[in-house]
Amino acid sequence: MKPVTRNKTYYPLFLDVEGKLCVVIGGGQVAERKVRTLLAFGARVRVVSPKLTQGLGRLKGSGTIEHVARHYREEDSEASLLVIAATSSRAVNRQVREDAGRAGVLVNVVDDPALCDFLAPSIVKKDPLVIAISTSGVSPGAAKRLRKELETAARLEYAPYVTLVGRFRIWLAHEVPNRRVRRRILRDLGRMEIGEVLQSGWDGLMRRFSPGGGGPEA
């Protein structure tokens, strides 16, 4: 029996892909899911594959994605922010890994964490809230289950809470010049329960924290 080795853990990072080229190698169902996630975050997506799913074909037809209708070549891994290898061929996926590594491009090989620079997490996206869930490749199924549980909570409470607090922080930065006072207000706001913040609403936060509304002074 082989000894149990420590599983690799990954540094969590939120990456700005908006308007940047991201390449997906493969045109099947898995590739389509990866493409749609990238599009949801504003990426410019290029798909390299001789064939496409119907869904990817529609995205191509609408001009939403670029399509290179051929098999993978080494140059496909160059000049992009990241590459996702989502073909059914382990040999092709491994070649993508090697080529992207030489080009200094981040690469994700679907279902093969050992070949990945980054893992694609399960995502809960309720603008402006984004929750990324990962089990470091140990149990993708568990990550998906947790995502489903969080989706309901995010829809009901967390997304409107983040929106309200974010709006308040912007106001605070413009209207309260004293940094020490701003820090104290944000600390006190952070101690409030989510339900209490939502029940207070914008007007309630103004009354509680705005110096002009009787809130904290410098």
N, C-alpha and C. Protein backbone atom coordinates (compact mmCIF):
# COMPACT_ATOMS: atom_id res chain seq x y z
N MET A 1 0.84 -1.19 0.00
CA MET A 1 0.00 0.00 0.00
C MET A 1 0.88 1.25 0.00
N LYS A 2 0.61 2.16 -0.94
CA LYS A 2 1.42 3.37 -1.04
C LYS A 2 1.08 4.33 0.09
N PRO A 3 2.09 5.02 0.62
CA PRO A 3 1.81 6.00 1.67
C PRO A 3 0.99 7.16 1.12
N VAL A 4 0.17 7.75 1.98
CA VAL A 4 -0.64 8.89 1.58
C VAL A 4 0.25 10.13 1.52
N THR A 5 0.23 10.82 0.41
CA THR A 5 1.03 12.03 0.27
C THR A 5 0.15 13.26 0.43
N ARG A 6 0.77 14.35 0.85
CA ARG A 6 0.03 15.58 1.06
C ARG A 6 -0.45 16.13 -0.28
N ASN A 7 -1.72 16.49 -0.34
CA ASN A 7 -2.26 17.04 -1.58
C ASN A 7 -1.77 18.47 -1.79
N LYS A 8 -1.47 18.80 -3.03
CA LYS A 8 -1.04 20.15 -3.35
C LYS A 8 -2.18 21.13 -3.11
N THR A 9 -1.85 22.28 -2.55
CA THR A 9 -2.84 23.34 -2.40
C THR A 9 -2.46 24.49 -3.32
N TYR A 10 -3.44 25.33 -3.63
CA TYR A 10 -3.24 26.37 -4.62
C TYR A 10 -3.50 27.75 -4.03
N TYR A 11 -2.72 28.71 -4.51
CA TYR A 11 -2.88 30.09 -4.08
C TYR A 11 -4.14 30.67 -4.74
N PRO A 12 -5.12 31.09 -3.96
CA PRO A 12 -6.36 31.61 -4.55
C PRO A 12 -6.13 32.98 -5.18
N LEU A 13 -6.70 33.17 -6.36
CA LEU A 13 -6.45 34.39 -7.11
C LEU A 13 -7.66 34.71 -7.98
N PHE A 14 -8.09 35.98 -7.99
CA PHE A 14 -9.13 36.42 -8.90
C PHE A 14 -8.45 37.17 -10.04
N LEU A 15 -8.63 36.68 -11.26
CA LEU A 15 -7.90 37.16 -12.42
C LEU A 15 -8.79 38.02 -13.31
N ASP A 16 -8.28 39.16 -13.73
CA ASP A 16 -9.01 40.04 -14.63
C ASP A 16 -8.84 39.53 -16.06
N VAL A 17 -9.88 38.95 -16.64
CA VAL A 17 -9.82 38.44 -18.01
C VAL A 17 -10.58 39.32 -18.99
N GLU A 18 -11.19 40.39 -18.51
CA GLU A 18 -12.05 41.20 -19.37
C GLU A 18 -11.27 41.77 -20.55
N GLY A 19 -11.74 41.46 -21.75
CA GLY A 19 -11.12 41.96 -22.96
C GLY A 19 -9.82 41.28 -23.34
N LYS A 20 -9.38 40.31 -22.56
CA LYS A 20 -8.10 39.64 -22.82
C LYS A 20 -8.33 38.29 -23.51
N LEU A 21 -7.37 37.91 -24.34
CA LEU A 21 -7.50 36.68 -25.11
C LEU A 21 -7.27 35.45 -24.24
N CYS A 22 -8.25 34.57 -24.23
CA CYS A 22 -8.14 33.28 -23.56
C CYS A 22 -8.45 32.20 -24.61
N VAL A 23 -7.61 31.17 -24.66
CA VAL A 23 -7.73 30.15 -25.70
C VAL A 23 -8.21 28.84 -25.09
N VAL A 24 -9.19 28.24 -25.72
CA VAL A 24 -9.70 26.94 -25.31
C VAL A 24 -9.42 25.95 -26.44
N ILE A 25 -8.69 24.91 -26.11
CA ILE A 25 -8.37 23.86 -27.08
C ILE A 25 -9.39 22.75 -26.92
N GLY A 26 -10.19 22.52 -27.94
CA GLY A 26 -11.24 21.51 -27.87
C GLY A 26 -12.59 22.14 -28.15
N GLY A 27 -13.50 21.35 -28.71
CA GLY A 27 -14.79 21.89 -29.08
C GLY A 27 -15.97 21.09 -28.58
N GLY A 28 -15.75 20.27 -27.53
CA GLY A 28 -16.81 19.43 -26.99
C GLY A 28 -17.59 20.10 -25.88
N GLN A 29 -18.37 19.29 -25.16
CA GLN A 29 -19.22 19.83 -24.10
C GLN A 29 -18.42 20.45 -22.97
N VAL A 30 -17.31 19.81 -22.59
CA VAL A 30 -16.48 20.37 -21.52
C VAL A 30 -15.90 21.71 -21.96
N ALA A 31 -15.41 21.76 -23.19
CA ALA A 31 -14.87 23.02 -23.71
C ALA A 31 -15.95 24.10 -23.72
N GLU A 32 -17.17 23.73 -24.09
CA GLU A 32 -18.25 24.72 -24.12
C GLU A 32 -18.50 25.30 -22.73
N ARG A 33 -18.48 24.46 -21.70
CA ARG A 33 -18.68 24.98 -20.34
C ARG A 33 -17.58 25.96 -19.97
N LYS A 34 -16.35 25.63 -20.32
CA LYS A 34 -15.23 26.53 -20.02
C LYS A 34 -15.37 27.86 -20.76
N VAL A 35 -15.79 27.77 -22.02
CA VAL A 35 -15.97 28.97 -22.83
C VAL A 35 -17.03 29.88 -22.22
N ARG A 36 -18.15 29.29 -21.83
CA ARG A 36 -19.25 30.10 -21.30
C ARG A 36 -18.85 30.78 -19.98
N THR A 37 -18.05 30.10 -19.18
CA THR A 37 -17.58 30.73 -17.95
C THR A 37 -16.66 31.91 -18.25
N LEU A 38 -15.75 31.73 -19.18
CA LEU A 38 -14.86 32.83 -19.57
C LEU A 38 -15.65 34.02 -20.11
N LEU A 39 -16.64 33.74 -20.93
CA LEU A 39 -17.47 34.81 -21.50
C LEU A 39 -18.22 35.57 -20.41
N ALA A 40 -18.64 34.84 -19.38
CA ALA A 40 -19.39 35.48 -18.29
C ALA A 40 -18.56 36.53 -17.57
N PHE A 41 -17.23 36.41 -17.70
CA PHE A 41 -16.35 37.37 -17.05
C PHE A 41 -15.67 38.30 -18.07
N GLY A 42 -16.23 38.35 -19.27
CA GLY A 42 -15.79 39.34 -20.25
C GLY A 42 -14.57 39.00 -21.06
N ALA A 43 -14.13 37.75 -21.05
CA ALA A 43 -12.93 37.38 -21.80
C ALA A 43 -13.19 37.39 -23.30
N ARG A 44 -12.13 37.59 -24.06
CA ARG A 44 -12.17 37.39 -25.51
C ARG A 44 -11.70 35.95 -25.74
N VAL A 45 -12.57 35.13 -26.29
CA VAL A 45 -12.32 33.69 -26.32
C VAL A 45 -12.06 33.21 -27.75
N ARG A 46 -11.01 32.43 -27.89
CA ARG A 46 -10.70 31.76 -29.15
C ARG A 46 -10.74 30.25 -28.92
N VAL A 47 -11.48 29.54 -29.73
CA VAL A 47 -11.60 28.09 -29.63
C VAL A 47 -10.87 27.45 -30.81
N VAL A 48 -10.00 26.51 -30.49
CA VAL A 48 -9.26 25.79 -31.53
C VAL A 48 -9.76 24.35 -31.55
N SER A 49 -10.43 23.98 -32.64
CA SER A 49 -10.98 22.63 -32.75
C SER A 49 -11.54 22.43 -34.15
N PRO A 50 -11.37 21.23 -34.72
CA PRO A 50 -11.97 20.98 -36.04
C PRO A 50 -13.49 21.02 -36.00
N LYS A 51 -14.08 20.63 -34.87
CA LYS A 51 -15.53 20.57 -34.73
C LYS A 51 -15.97 21.31 -33.47
N LEU A 52 -17.22 21.74 -33.49
CA LEU A 52 -17.79 22.46 -32.35
C LEU A 52 -19.13 21.85 -31.97
N THR A 53 -19.47 21.94 -30.69
CA THR A 53 -20.83 21.61 -30.28
C THR A 53 -21.81 22.60 -30.91
N GLN A 54 -23.09 22.28 -30.87
CA GLN A 54 -24.08 23.20 -31.40
C GLN A 54 -24.04 24.54 -30.67
N GLY A 55 -23.86 24.46 -29.34
CA GLY A 55 -23.79 25.67 -28.55
C GLY A 55 -22.63 26.56 -28.94
N LEU A 56 -21.45 25.95 -29.13
CA LEU A 56 -20.29 26.72 -29.56
C LEU A 56 -20.48 27.24 -30.98
N GLY A 57 -21.15 26.44 -31.80
CA GLY A 57 -21.43 26.89 -33.15
C GLY A 57 -22.29 28.14 -33.18
N ARG A 58 -23.27 28.20 -32.28
CA ARG A 58 -24.11 29.40 -32.20
C ARG A 58 -23.31 30.60 -31.71
N LEU A 59 -22.41 30.38 -30.75
CA LEU A 59 -21.57 31.47 -30.27
C LEU A 59 -20.65 31.98 -31.39
N LYS A 60 -20.17 31.05 -32.20
CA LYS A 60 -19.36 31.44 -33.35
C LYS A 60 -20.19 32.24 -34.34
N GLY A 61 -21.39 31.74 -34.64
CA GLY A 61 -22.25 32.41 -35.61
C GLY A 61 -22.63 33.81 -35.21
N SER A 62 -22.74 34.06 -33.91
CA SER A 62 -23.10 35.39 -33.43
C SER A 62 -21.89 36.30 -33.28
N GLY A 63 -20.70 35.77 -33.55
CA GLY A 63 -19.49 36.56 -33.40
C GLY A 63 -19.01 36.69 -31.97
N THR A 64 -19.56 35.88 -31.07
CA THR A 64 -19.20 35.97 -29.65
C THR A 64 -17.83 35.38 -29.38
N ILE A 65 -17.46 34.35 -30.14
CA ILE A 65 -16.14 33.72 -29.99
C ILE A 65 -15.44 33.66 -31.35
N GLU A 66 -14.12 33.55 -31.29
CA GLU A 66 -13.33 33.26 -32.48
C GLU A 66 -13.20 31.74 -32.60
N HIS A 67 -13.12 31.24 -33.82
CA HIS A 67 -12.97 29.81 -34.02
C HIS A 67 -11.88 29.54 -35.04
N VAL A 68 -10.91 28.73 -34.63
CA VAL A 68 -9.87 28.25 -35.53
C VAL A 68 -10.20 26.79 -35.83
N ALA A 69 -10.65 26.54 -37.04
CA ALA A 69 -11.21 25.22 -37.39
C ALA A 69 -10.13 24.25 -37.85
N ARG A 70 -9.34 23.82 -36.92
CA ARG A 70 -8.29 22.83 -37.19
C ARG A 70 -7.82 22.23 -35.89
N HIS A 71 -6.91 21.26 -35.99
CA HIS A 71 -6.32 20.67 -34.79
C HIS A 71 -5.31 21.64 -34.18
N TYR A 72 -4.97 21.39 -32.94
CA TYR A 72 -4.06 22.25 -32.18
C TYR A 72 -2.67 22.32 -32.79
N ARG A 73 -2.08 23.53 -32.75
CA ARG A 73 -0.70 23.74 -33.12
C ARG A 73 0.00 24.50 -32.00
N GLU A 74 1.31 24.41 -31.98
CA GLU A 74 2.07 25.02 -30.89
C GLU A 74 1.80 26.51 -30.75
N GLU A 75 1.65 27.22 -31.87
CA GLU A 75 1.46 28.67 -31.80
C GLU A 75 0.13 29.07 -31.16
N ASP A 76 -0.78 28.11 -31.00
CA ASP A 76 -2.07 28.43 -30.38
C ASP A 76 -1.93 28.76 -28.90
N SER A 77 -0.84 28.36 -28.30
CA SER A 77 -0.63 28.62 -26.87
C SER A 77 0.08 29.95 -26.61
N GLU A 78 0.42 30.66 -27.65
CA GLU A 78 1.19 31.90 -27.51
C GLU A 78 0.27 33.12 -27.51
N ALA A 79 0.76 34.19 -26.91
CA ALA A 79 0.11 35.51 -26.95
C ALA A 79 -1.28 35.53 -26.33
N SER A 80 -1.54 34.67 -25.39
CA SER A 80 -2.83 34.68 -24.70
C SER A 80 -2.58 34.79 -23.20
N LEU A 81 -3.62 35.18 -22.48
CA LEU A 81 -3.50 35.28 -21.03
C LEU A 81 -3.45 33.89 -20.41
N LEU A 82 -4.30 33.01 -20.91
CA LEU A 82 -4.35 31.64 -20.40
C LEU A 82 -4.86 30.70 -21.49
N VAL A 83 -4.56 29.44 -21.30
CA VAL A 83 -4.99 28.39 -22.22
C VAL A 83 -5.66 27.29 -21.42
N ILE A 84 -6.78 26.80 -21.92
CA ILE A 84 -7.46 25.66 -21.32
C ILE A 84 -7.45 24.51 -22.32
N ALA A 85 -6.86 23.39 -21.94
CA ALA A 85 -6.83 22.20 -22.78
C ALA A 85 -8.00 21.31 -22.39
N ALA A 86 -8.96 21.18 -23.30
CA ALA A 86 -10.18 20.43 -23.01
C ALA A 86 -10.50 19.44 -24.14
N THR A 87 -9.47 18.78 -24.64
CA THR A 87 -9.69 17.79 -25.69
C THR A 87 -9.85 16.41 -25.06
N SER A 88 -10.22 15.44 -25.86
CA SER A 88 -10.37 14.06 -25.39
C SER A 88 -9.06 13.29 -25.50
N SER A 89 -8.00 13.94 -25.96
CA SER A 89 -6.71 13.30 -26.15
C SER A 89 -5.73 13.71 -25.07
N ARG A 90 -5.27 12.76 -24.27
CA ARG A 90 -4.29 13.08 -23.24
C ARG A 90 -2.99 13.56 -23.86
N ALA A 91 -2.63 13.01 -25.04
CA ALA A 91 -1.39 13.42 -25.69
C ALA A 91 -1.46 14.89 -26.12
N VAL A 92 -2.59 15.30 -26.66
CA VAL A 92 -2.75 16.69 -27.08
C VAL A 92 -2.75 17.60 -25.85
N ASN A 93 -3.47 17.20 -24.83
CA ASN A 93 -3.52 18.02 -23.61
C ASN A 93 -2.13 18.19 -23.01
N ARG A 94 -1.35 17.12 -23.00
CA ARG A 94 0.01 17.21 -22.46
C ARG A 94 0.88 18.11 -23.33
N GLN A 95 0.68 18.06 -24.65
CA GLN A 95 1.44 18.93 -25.55
C GLN A 95 1.10 20.39 -25.31
N VAL A 96 -0.18 20.67 -25.07
CA VAL A 96 -0.59 22.03 -24.74
C VAL A 96 0.11 22.49 -23.47
N ARG A 97 0.17 21.60 -22.49
CA ARG A 97 0.85 21.92 -21.23
C ARG A 97 2.31 22.32 -21.48
N GLU A 98 3.00 21.54 -22.29
CA GLU A 98 4.41 21.80 -22.55
C GLU A 98 4.61 23.09 -23.34
N ASP A 99 3.79 23.30 -24.36
CA ASP A 99 3.93 24.49 -25.19
C ASP A 99 3.61 25.75 -24.41
N ALA A 100 2.54 25.72 -23.63
CA ALA A 100 2.16 26.89 -22.83
C ALA A 100 3.23 27.21 -21.79
N GLY A 101 3.81 26.17 -21.21
CA GLY A 101 4.88 26.38 -20.24
C GLY A 101 6.06 27.09 -20.85
N ARG A 102 6.44 26.70 -22.04
CA ARG A 102 7.57 27.37 -22.71
C ARG A 102 7.23 28.81 -23.05
N ALA A 103 5.97 29.05 -23.37
CA ALA A 103 5.55 30.41 -23.75
C ALA A 103 5.26 31.29 -22.55
N GLY A 104 5.30 30.72 -21.34
CA GLY A 104 5.02 31.49 -20.14
C GLY A 104 3.55 31.84 -19.98
N VAL A 105 2.68 30.99 -20.52
CA VAL A 105 1.24 31.21 -20.47
C VAL A 105 0.61 30.27 -19.45
N LEU A 106 -0.29 30.78 -18.62
CA LEU A 106 -0.98 29.94 -17.65
C LEU A 106 -1.83 28.90 -18.37
N VAL A 107 -1.81 27.67 -17.87
CA VAL A 107 -2.54 26.59 -18.54
C VAL A 107 -3.34 25.77 -17.55
N ASN A 108 -4.53 25.39 -17.97
CA ASN A 108 -5.36 24.46 -17.21
C ASN A 108 -5.67 23.28 -18.12
N VAL A 109 -5.36 22.08 -17.64
CA VAL A 109 -5.69 20.87 -18.38
C VAL A 109 -6.85 20.21 -17.65
N VAL A 110 -7.99 20.14 -18.31
CA VAL A 110 -9.21 19.65 -17.69
C VAL A 110 -9.02 18.23 -17.16
N ASP A 111 -9.44 18.01 -15.92
CA ASP A 111 -9.40 16.70 -15.27
C ASP A 111 -8.00 16.14 -15.06
N ASP A 112 -6.98 17.00 -15.06
CA ASP A 112 -5.62 16.53 -14.80
C ASP A 112 -4.87 17.61 -14.00
N PRO A 113 -5.15 17.71 -12.69
CA PRO A 113 -4.54 18.76 -11.88
C PRO A 113 -3.02 18.79 -11.92
N ALA A 114 -2.39 17.62 -12.13
CA ALA A 114 -0.94 17.57 -12.14
C ALA A 114 -0.34 18.38 -13.28
N LEU A 115 -1.11 18.64 -14.32
CA LEU A 115 -0.62 19.40 -15.47
C LEU A 115 -1.07 20.86 -15.44
N CYS A 116 -1.72 21.27 -14.38
CA CYS A 116 -2.33 22.60 -14.33
C CYS A 116 -1.46 23.62 -13.60
N ASP A 117 -1.44 24.84 -14.14
CA ASP A 117 -0.92 25.98 -13.39
C ASP A 117 -1.98 26.53 -12.45
N PHE A 118 -3.24 26.36 -12.84
CA PHE A 118 -4.37 26.83 -12.03
C PHE A 118 -5.52 25.87 -12.20
N LEU A 119 -6.38 25.84 -11.20
CA LEU A 119 -7.59 25.03 -11.27
C LEU A 119 -8.78 25.95 -11.48
N ALA A 120 -9.74 25.50 -12.28
CA ALA A 120 -10.96 26.27 -12.49
C ALA A 120 -11.95 25.88 -11.40
N PRO A 121 -12.28 26.79 -10.48
CA PRO A 121 -13.14 26.43 -9.35
C PRO A 121 -14.61 26.38 -9.75
N SER A 122 -15.41 25.79 -8.87
CA SER A 122 -16.85 25.96 -8.99
C SER A 122 -17.17 27.39 -8.58
N ILE A 123 -18.09 28.02 -9.29
CA ILE A 123 -18.31 29.46 -9.11
C ILE A 123 -19.76 29.76 -8.81
N VAL A 124 -19.96 30.64 -7.84
CA VAL A 124 -21.25 31.26 -7.59
C VAL A 124 -21.09 32.72 -7.97
N LYS A 125 -21.86 33.18 -8.97
CA LYS A 125 -21.72 34.56 -9.47
C LYS A 125 -23.07 35.25 -9.38
N LYS A 126 -23.18 36.15 -8.43
CA LYS A 126 -24.36 36.99 -8.24
C LYS A 126 -23.85 38.42 -8.11
N ASP A 127 -23.63 39.05 -9.26
CA ASP A 127 -22.96 40.36 -9.27
C ASP A 127 -23.44 41.28 -8.16
N PRO A 128 -22.49 41.93 -7.48
CA PRO A 128 -21.05 41.91 -7.70
C PRO A 128 -20.32 40.80 -6.95
N LEU A 129 -21.06 39.90 -6.34
CA LEU A 129 -20.46 38.85 -5.53
C LEU A 129 -20.02 37.68 -6.41
N VAL A 130 -18.78 37.25 -6.20
CA VAL A 130 -18.26 36.04 -6.85
C VAL A 130 -17.64 35.16 -5.78
N ILE A 131 -18.13 33.93 -5.68
CA ILE A 131 -17.58 32.97 -4.73
C ILE A 131 -16.94 31.84 -5.52
N ALA A 132 -15.67 31.61 -5.29
CA ALA A 132 -14.96 30.52 -5.96
C ALA A 132 -14.69 29.41 -4.96
N ILE A 133 -15.01 28.18 -5.34
CA ILE A 133 -14.90 27.04 -4.44
C ILE A 133 -13.99 25.99 -5.05
N SER A 134 -12.99 25.57 -4.30
CA SER A 134 -12.07 24.55 -4.79
C SER A 134 -11.74 23.55 -3.69
N THR A 135 -11.56 22.30 -4.08
CA THR A 135 -11.07 21.27 -3.16
C THR A 135 -9.65 20.87 -3.54
N SER A 136 -8.94 21.77 -4.25
CA SER A 136 -7.57 21.52 -4.72
C SER A 136 -7.50 20.28 -5.61
N GLY A 137 -8.58 20.04 -6.34
CA GLY A 137 -8.61 18.92 -7.27
C GLY A 137 -8.95 17.59 -6.65
N VAL A 138 -9.14 17.55 -5.31
CA VAL A 138 -9.39 16.28 -4.63
C VAL A 138 -10.79 15.76 -4.93
N SER A 139 -11.79 16.64 -4.88
CA SER A 139 -13.17 16.21 -5.05
C SER A 139 -14.00 17.29 -5.75
N PRO A 140 -13.93 17.36 -7.08
CA PRO A 140 -14.74 18.34 -7.80
C PRO A 140 -16.23 18.21 -7.51
N GLY A 141 -16.70 16.99 -7.26
CA GLY A 141 -18.10 16.77 -6.95
C GLY A 141 -18.52 17.46 -5.67
N ALA A 142 -17.64 17.43 -4.67
CA ALA A 142 -17.94 18.10 -3.41
C ALA A 142 -17.99 19.61 -3.61
N ALA A 143 -17.12 20.13 -4.46
CA ALA A 143 -17.13 21.57 -4.74
C ALA A 143 -18.44 21.98 -5.41
N LYS A 144 -18.92 21.16 -6.33
CA LYS A 144 -20.18 21.45 -7.02
C LYS A 144 -21.35 21.42 -6.04
N ARG A 145 -21.32 20.46 -5.11
CA ARG A 145 -22.40 20.37 -4.13
C ARG A 145 -22.42 21.61 -3.24
N LEU A 146 -21.25 22.03 -2.80
CA LEU A 146 -21.16 23.23 -1.97
C LEU A 146 -21.62 24.46 -2.75
N ARG A 147 -21.28 24.50 -4.03
CA ARG A 147 -21.72 25.63 -4.86
C ARG A 147 -23.24 25.73 -4.88
N LYS A 148 -23.90 24.60 -5.04
CA LYS A 148 -25.37 24.60 -5.09
C LYS A 148 -25.96 25.10 -3.78
N GLU A 149 -25.33 24.72 -2.67
CA GLU A 149 -25.83 25.16 -1.37
C GLU A 149 -25.64 26.66 -1.19
N LEU A 150 -24.54 27.18 -1.72
CA LEU A 150 -24.25 28.60 -1.55
C LEU A 150 -25.06 29.48 -2.50
N GLU A 151 -25.48 28.92 -3.63
CA GLU A 151 -26.20 29.73 -4.61
C GLU A 151 -27.48 30.33 -4.04
N THR A 152 -28.20 29.54 -3.27
CA THR A 152 -29.45 30.04 -2.68
C THR A 152 -29.17 31.16 -1.69
N ALA A 153 -28.19 30.95 -0.82
CA ALA A 153 -27.84 31.98 0.16
C ALA A 153 -27.35 33.25 -0.52
N ALA A 154 -26.55 33.09 -1.57
CA ALA A 154 -26.02 34.26 -2.28
C ALA A 154 -27.14 35.05 -2.92
N ARG A 155 -28.13 34.35 -3.45
CA ARG A 155 -29.23 35.03 -4.12
C ARG A 155 -30.10 35.78 -3.12
N LEU A 156 -30.32 35.18 -1.96
CA LEU A 156 -31.26 35.75 -1.01
C LEU A 156 -30.65 36.86 -0.15
N GLU A 157 -29.38 36.72 0.21
CA GLU A 157 -28.82 37.68 1.16
C GLU A 157 -27.49 38.29 0.74
N TYR A 158 -26.54 37.45 0.37
CA TYR A 158 -25.18 37.95 0.24
C TYR A 158 -25.01 38.95 -0.89
N ALA A 159 -25.62 38.71 -2.05
CA ALA A 159 -25.44 39.63 -3.17
C ALA A 159 -25.98 41.02 -2.86
N PRO A 160 -27.22 41.16 -2.36
CA PRO A 160 -27.69 42.51 -2.02
C PRO A 160 -26.90 43.14 -0.88
N TYR A 161 -26.40 42.31 0.04
CA TYR A 161 -25.57 42.84 1.13
C TYR A 161 -24.27 43.42 0.59
N VAL A 162 -23.61 42.68 -0.29
CA VAL A 162 -22.35 43.17 -0.86
C VAL A 162 -22.58 44.43 -1.68
N THR A 163 -23.68 44.47 -2.43
CA THR A 163 -23.99 45.65 -3.23
C THR A 163 -24.18 46.88 -2.34
N LEU A 164 -24.94 46.72 -1.26
CA LEU A 164 -25.20 47.84 -0.36
C LEU A 164 -23.93 48.30 0.34
N VAL A 165 -23.15 47.36 0.86
CA VAL A 165 -21.92 47.72 1.57
C VAL A 165 -20.92 48.35 0.60
N GLY A 166 -20.85 47.83 -0.62
CA GLY A 166 -19.94 48.41 -1.61
C GLY A 166 -20.30 49.84 -1.94
N ARG A 167 -21.59 50.10 -2.11
CA ARG A 167 -22.06 51.47 -2.37
C ARG A 167 -21.71 52.39 -1.20
N PHE A 168 -21.88 51.87 0.02
CA PHE A 168 -21.59 52.67 1.21
C PHE A 168 -20.09 52.99 1.30
N ARG A 169 -19.24 52.01 0.97
CA ARG A 169 -17.78 52.24 1.04
C ARG A 169 -17.34 53.31 0.05
N ILE A 170 -17.95 53.32 -1.14
CA ILE A 170 -17.63 54.35 -2.13
C ILE A 170 -18.02 55.73 -1.59
N TRP A 171 -19.23 55.80 -1.03
CA TRP A 171 -19.67 57.07 -0.44
C TRP A 171 -18.73 57.50 0.67
N LEU A 172 -18.33 56.56 1.51
CA LEU A 172 -17.47 56.86 2.66
C LEU A 172 -16.13 57.43 2.21
N ALA A 173 -15.56 56.84 1.16
CA ALA A 173 -14.26 57.29 0.66
C ALA A 173 -14.32 58.72 0.16
N HIS A 174 -15.47 59.14 -0.36
CA HIS A 174 -15.60 60.49 -0.90
C HIS A 174 -16.01 61.52 0.15
N GLU A 175 -16.78 61.08 1.13
CA GLU A 175 -17.40 62.04 2.05
C GLU A 175 -16.74 62.12 3.42
N VAL A 176 -15.93 61.14 3.79
CA VAL A 176 -15.28 61.15 5.11
C VAL A 176 -13.77 61.14 4.90
N PRO A 177 -13.12 62.30 4.92
CA PRO A 177 -11.70 62.37 4.60
C PRO A 177 -10.79 61.76 5.67
N ASN A 178 -11.25 61.71 6.91
CA ASN A 178 -10.41 61.22 7.99
C ASN A 178 -10.31 59.69 7.92
N ARG A 179 -9.10 59.18 7.65
CA ARG A 179 -8.91 57.75 7.48
C ARG A 179 -9.23 56.97 8.74
N ARG A 180 -8.87 57.53 9.87
CA ARG A 180 -9.14 56.85 11.14
C ARG A 180 -10.64 56.68 11.37
N VAL A 181 -11.40 57.71 11.02
CA VAL A 181 -12.85 57.63 11.18
C VAL A 181 -13.43 56.60 10.20
N ARG A 182 -12.93 56.61 8.97
CA ARG A 182 -13.42 55.63 7.98
C ARG A 182 -13.17 54.21 8.45
N ARG A 183 -11.98 53.97 9.00
CA ARG A 183 -11.67 52.62 9.48
C ARG A 183 -12.61 52.22 10.61
N ARG A 184 -12.89 53.15 11.51
CA ARG A 184 -13.78 52.82 12.63
C ARG A 184 -15.20 52.53 12.12
N ILE A 185 -15.65 53.31 11.17
CA ILE A 185 -16.99 53.08 10.62
C ILE A 185 -17.07 51.72 9.94
N LEU A 186 -16.06 51.39 9.13
CA LEU A 186 -16.07 50.11 8.43
C LEU A 186 -15.96 48.95 9.42
N ARG A 187 -15.21 49.14 10.49
CA ARG A 187 -15.11 48.10 11.52
C ARG A 187 -16.47 47.87 12.17
N ASP A 188 -17.14 48.96 12.49
CA ASP A 188 -18.47 48.83 13.12
C ASP A 188 -19.48 48.23 12.14
N LEU A 189 -19.39 48.61 10.88
CA LEU A 189 -20.28 48.04 9.87
C LEU A 189 -20.05 46.54 9.73
N GLY A 190 -18.78 46.14 9.78
CA GLY A 190 -18.45 44.72 9.64
C GLY A 190 -18.95 43.87 10.80
N ARG A 191 -19.20 44.50 11.94
CA ARG A 191 -19.71 43.76 13.10
C ARG A 191 -21.22 43.54 13.04
N MET A 192 -21.89 44.25 12.15
CA MET A 192 -23.33 44.11 12.03
C MET A 192 -23.69 42.80 11.32
N GLU A 193 -24.78 42.18 11.70
CA GLU A 193 -25.27 41.00 11.02
C GLU A 193 -25.76 41.39 9.62
N ILE A 194 -25.67 40.45 8.70
CA ILE A 194 -26.11 40.72 7.33
C ILE A 194 -27.56 41.18 7.31
N GLY A 195 -28.42 40.49 8.03
CA GLY A 195 -29.83 40.86 8.07
C GLY A 195 -30.05 42.25 8.62
N GLU A 196 -29.25 42.64 9.60
CA GLU A 196 -29.38 43.96 10.19
C GLU A 196 -29.01 45.04 9.19
N VAL A 197 -27.95 44.79 8.41
CA VAL A 197 -27.54 45.76 7.39
C VAL A 197 -28.62 45.90 6.33
N LEU A 198 -29.16 44.77 5.86
CA LEU A 198 -30.18 44.82 4.83
C LEU A 198 -31.45 45.49 5.34
N GLN A 199 -31.80 45.23 6.58
CA GLN A 199 -32.99 45.85 7.15
C GLN A 199 -32.79 47.36 7.32
N SER A 200 -31.58 47.77 7.65
CA SER A 200 -31.28 49.19 7.81
C SER A 200 -31.40 49.92 6.48
N GLY A 201 -30.90 49.27 5.41
CA GLY A 201 -30.93 49.91 4.11
C GLY A 201 -30.02 51.12 4.05
N TRP A 202 -30.05 51.80 2.91
CA TRP A 202 -29.18 52.97 2.73
C TRP A 202 -29.49 54.07 3.73
N ASP A 203 -30.74 54.38 3.90
CA ASP A 203 -31.12 55.47 4.82
C ASP A 203 -30.70 55.15 6.25
N GLY A 204 -30.86 53.91 6.65
CA GLY A 204 -30.48 53.52 8.00
C GLY A 204 -28.99 53.63 8.22
N LEU A 205 -28.19 53.22 7.21
CA LEU A 205 -26.73 53.34 7.33
C LEU A 205 -26.31 54.80 7.40
N MET A 206 -26.99 55.64 6.64
CA MET A 206 -26.68 57.08 6.68
C MET A 206 -26.95 57.64 8.08
N ARG A 207 -28.09 57.29 8.66
CA ARG A 207 -28.42 57.79 10.00
C ARG A 207 -27.43 57.28 11.03
N ARG A 208 -26.98 56.05 10.85
CA ARG A 208 -26.13 55.44 11.86
C ARG A 208 -24.67 55.89 11.75
N PHE A 209 -24.18 56.06 10.52
CA PHE A 209 -22.74 56.28 10.34
C PHE A 209 -22.36 57.64 9.77
N SER A 210 -23.27 58.34 9.12
CA SER A 210 -22.93 59.62 8.53
C SER A 210 -22.77 60.68 9.61
N PRO A 211 -21.63 61.42 9.59
CA PRO A 211 -21.47 62.50 10.57
C PRO A 211 -22.62 63.50 10.50
N GLY A 212 -23.09 63.78 9.28
CA GLY A 212 -24.18 64.72 9.13
C GLY A 212 -25.51 64.16 9.64
N GLY A 213 -25.56 62.85 9.75
CA GLY A 213 -26.81 62.23 10.21
C GLY A 213 -26.75 61.83 11.67
N GLY A 214 -25.76 62.32 12.38
CA GLY A 214 -25.65 62.00 13.80
C GLY A 214 -24.71 60.86 14.07
N GLY A 215 -24.01 60.40 13.01
CA GLY A 215 -23.07 59.29 13.18
C GLY A 215 -21.74 59.74 13.74
N PRO A 216 -20.68 58.90 13.58
CA PRO A 216 -19.37 59.18 14.18
C PRO A 216 -18.73 60.46 13.65
N GLU A 217 -18.12 61.18 14.50
CA GLU A 217 -17.35 62.37 14.14
C GLU A 217 -15.86 62.07 14.32
N ALA A 218 -15.03 62.91 13.72
CA ALA A 218 -13.59 62.71 13.84
C ALA A 218 -13.15 62.92 15.29
